[in-house]
Amino acid sequence: MSTTTATAPQTHDLQVRTDPSGKPLAIRHDGQIWIVDPDTDSQHWYGRDAWWDTHRTAAVGSGDLVSIEYWQVQVIRPGTHSALRTATLRRSPLATEWFLESISAAETTEDE
């Protein structure tokens, strides 16, 4: 089986279901539901927005406008024998929607 990383389009049609702490449990992308594998470790980190390129202005006290939240999770389609794929999710500061930064592509099996 070969695995490569494919950059996904950063669309607004991504839905992410999280637990109360904010950890992703499942994603819906491109009409398919992917479950986060509970037996693998998810990676969580924050990056910084290039605020100097965005020319955004904000009032004092607006909150954190530069910390971009990232999650890297292992996902699988339920009810199939598909291979685990790695999805990297991104959420911009103060945003409610998620973007799919990338998802690995895997060899297709007869159940996919």
Protein backbone atom coordinates (compact mmCIF):
# COMPACT_ATOMS: atom_id res chain seq x y z
CA MET A 1 0.00 0.00 0.00
CA SER A 2 1.33 3.40 -0.89
CA THR A 3 0.39 6.58 0.87
CA THR A 4 0.95 10.10 -0.40
CA THR A 5 -0.13 13.45 0.92
CA ALA A 6 -2.58 15.40 -1.15
CA THR A 7 -3.33 19.02 -0.47
CA ALA A 8 -7.07 19.49 -0.14
CA PRO A 9 -9.01 22.49 -1.29
CA GLN A 10 -9.72 24.75 1.65
CA THR A 11 -13.48 24.85 1.37
CA HIS A 12 -16.21 25.88 3.73
CA ASP A 13 -18.10 22.59 3.21
CA LEU A 14 -16.01 20.85 5.86
CA GLN A 15 -17.83 19.99 9.07
CA VAL A 16 -15.97 18.94 12.21
CA ARG A 17 -17.61 17.30 15.22
CA THR A 18 -15.67 17.80 18.45
CA ASP A 19 -15.87 16.65 22.04
CA PRO A 20 -16.44 19.22 24.82
CA SER A 21 -12.70 19.94 25.03
CA GLY A 22 -12.53 20.76 21.30
CA LYS A 23 -10.82 17.57 20.10
CA PRO A 24 -12.13 16.42 16.69
CA LEU A 25 -14.20 13.21 16.74
CA ALA A 26 -15.37 13.09 13.12
CA ILE A 27 -15.22 15.13 9.93
CA ARG A 28 -17.52 15.38 6.93
CA HIS A 29 -15.78 16.32 3.71
CA ASP A 30 -16.65 15.87 0.07
CA GLY A 31 -19.87 14.03 0.99
CA GLN A 32 -18.11 11.45 3.15
CA ILE A 33 -17.93 11.00 6.91
CA TRP A 34 -14.59 10.15 8.45
CA ILE A 35 -14.27 9.01 12.07
CA VAL A 36 -11.20 9.95 14.09
CA ASP A 37 -9.52 6.73 15.20
CA PRO A 38 -9.64 6.70 19.02
CA ASP A 39 -6.68 4.31 19.16
CA THR A 40 -4.25 6.83 17.66
CA ASP A 41 -2.82 9.99 19.15
CA SER A 42 -4.08 13.24 17.71
CA GLN A 43 -1.64 16.14 17.45
CA HIS A 44 -2.76 19.62 18.48
CA TRP A 45 -0.81 22.85 18.12
CA TYR A 46 -1.10 26.54 17.38
CA GLY A 47 0.61 28.52 14.66
CA ARG A 48 0.73 32.26 14.12
CA ASP A 49 -1.17 34.19 11.48
CA ALA A 50 0.87 36.52 9.31
CA TRP A 51 -1.12 39.48 10.60
CA TRP A 52 1.19 41.91 8.84
CA ASP A 53 -0.01 40.47 5.49
CA THR A 54 -3.72 40.52 6.32
CA HIS A 55 -3.97 44.22 7.14
CA ARG A 56 -6.65 43.39 9.69
CA THR A 57 -7.43 45.92 12.35
CA ALA A 58 -9.20 45.25 15.59
CA ALA A 59 -10.32 47.15 18.61
CA VAL A 60 -8.43 46.74 21.85
CA GLY A 61 -9.76 43.73 23.73
CA SER A 62 -10.97 41.88 20.61
CA GLY A 63 -9.21 38.69 21.66
CA ASP A 64 -6.49 36.56 20.10
CA LEU A 65 -6.34 37.42 16.40
CA VAL A 66 -3.11 35.63 15.48
CA SER A 67 -3.25 32.06 16.90
CA ILE A 68 -4.28 29.52 14.25
CA GLU A 69 -5.45 26.21 15.71
CA TYR A 70 -4.30 22.97 14.06
CA TRP A 71 -5.25 19.35 14.61
CA GLN A 72 -3.66 16.38 12.88
CA VAL A 73 -5.83 13.28 13.25
CA GLN A 74 -5.99 9.75 11.89
CA VAL A 75 -9.36 9.13 10.21
CA ILE A 76 -11.16 6.16 8.72
CA ARG A 77 -14.45 5.75 6.90
CA PRO A 78 -16.83 3.77 9.13
CA GLY A 79 -18.12 0.45 7.84
CA THR A 80 -15.25 -0.02 5.37
CA HIS A 81 -11.88 -1.71 5.40
CA SER A 82 -10.20 1.46 4.18
CA ALA A 83 -6.77 2.43 5.41
CA LEU A 84 -6.24 5.13 8.00
CA ARG A 85 -5.62 8.56 6.50
CA THR A 86 -4.02 11.57 8.11
CA ALA A 87 -6.07 14.77 8.06
CA THR A 88 -4.74 18.17 9.07
CA LEU A 89 -7.45 20.61 10.14
CA ARG A 90 -7.04 24.35 10.61
CA ARG A 91 -9.18 27.01 12.25
CA SER A 92 -8.39 30.69 11.97
CA PRO A 93 -8.51 33.01 14.97
CA LEU A 94 -12.03 33.75 16.22
CA ALA A 95 -13.53 31.60 13.42
CA THR A 96 -16.11 28.88 13.93
CA GLU A 97 -15.51 27.04 10.64
CA TRP A 98 -12.67 24.62 9.99
CA PHE A 99 -10.55 24.21 6.87
CA LEU A 100 -9.02 20.99 5.61
CA GLU A 101 -5.33 21.78 5.24
CA SER A 102 -4.49 18.33 3.85
CA ILE A 103 -5.54 14.68 3.85
CA SER A 104 -3.34 11.77 2.85
CA ALA A 105 -4.37 9.75 -0.15
CA ALA A 106 -4.31 5.98 0.15
CA GLU A 107 -4.62 3.14 -2.25
CA THR A 108 -8.29 2.36 -2.92
CA THR A 109 -9.67 -0.98 -1.82
CA GLU A 110 -12.75 -2.77 -3.10
CA ASP A 111 -14.78 -1.54 -0.08
CA GLU A 112 -14.13 2.17 -0.72
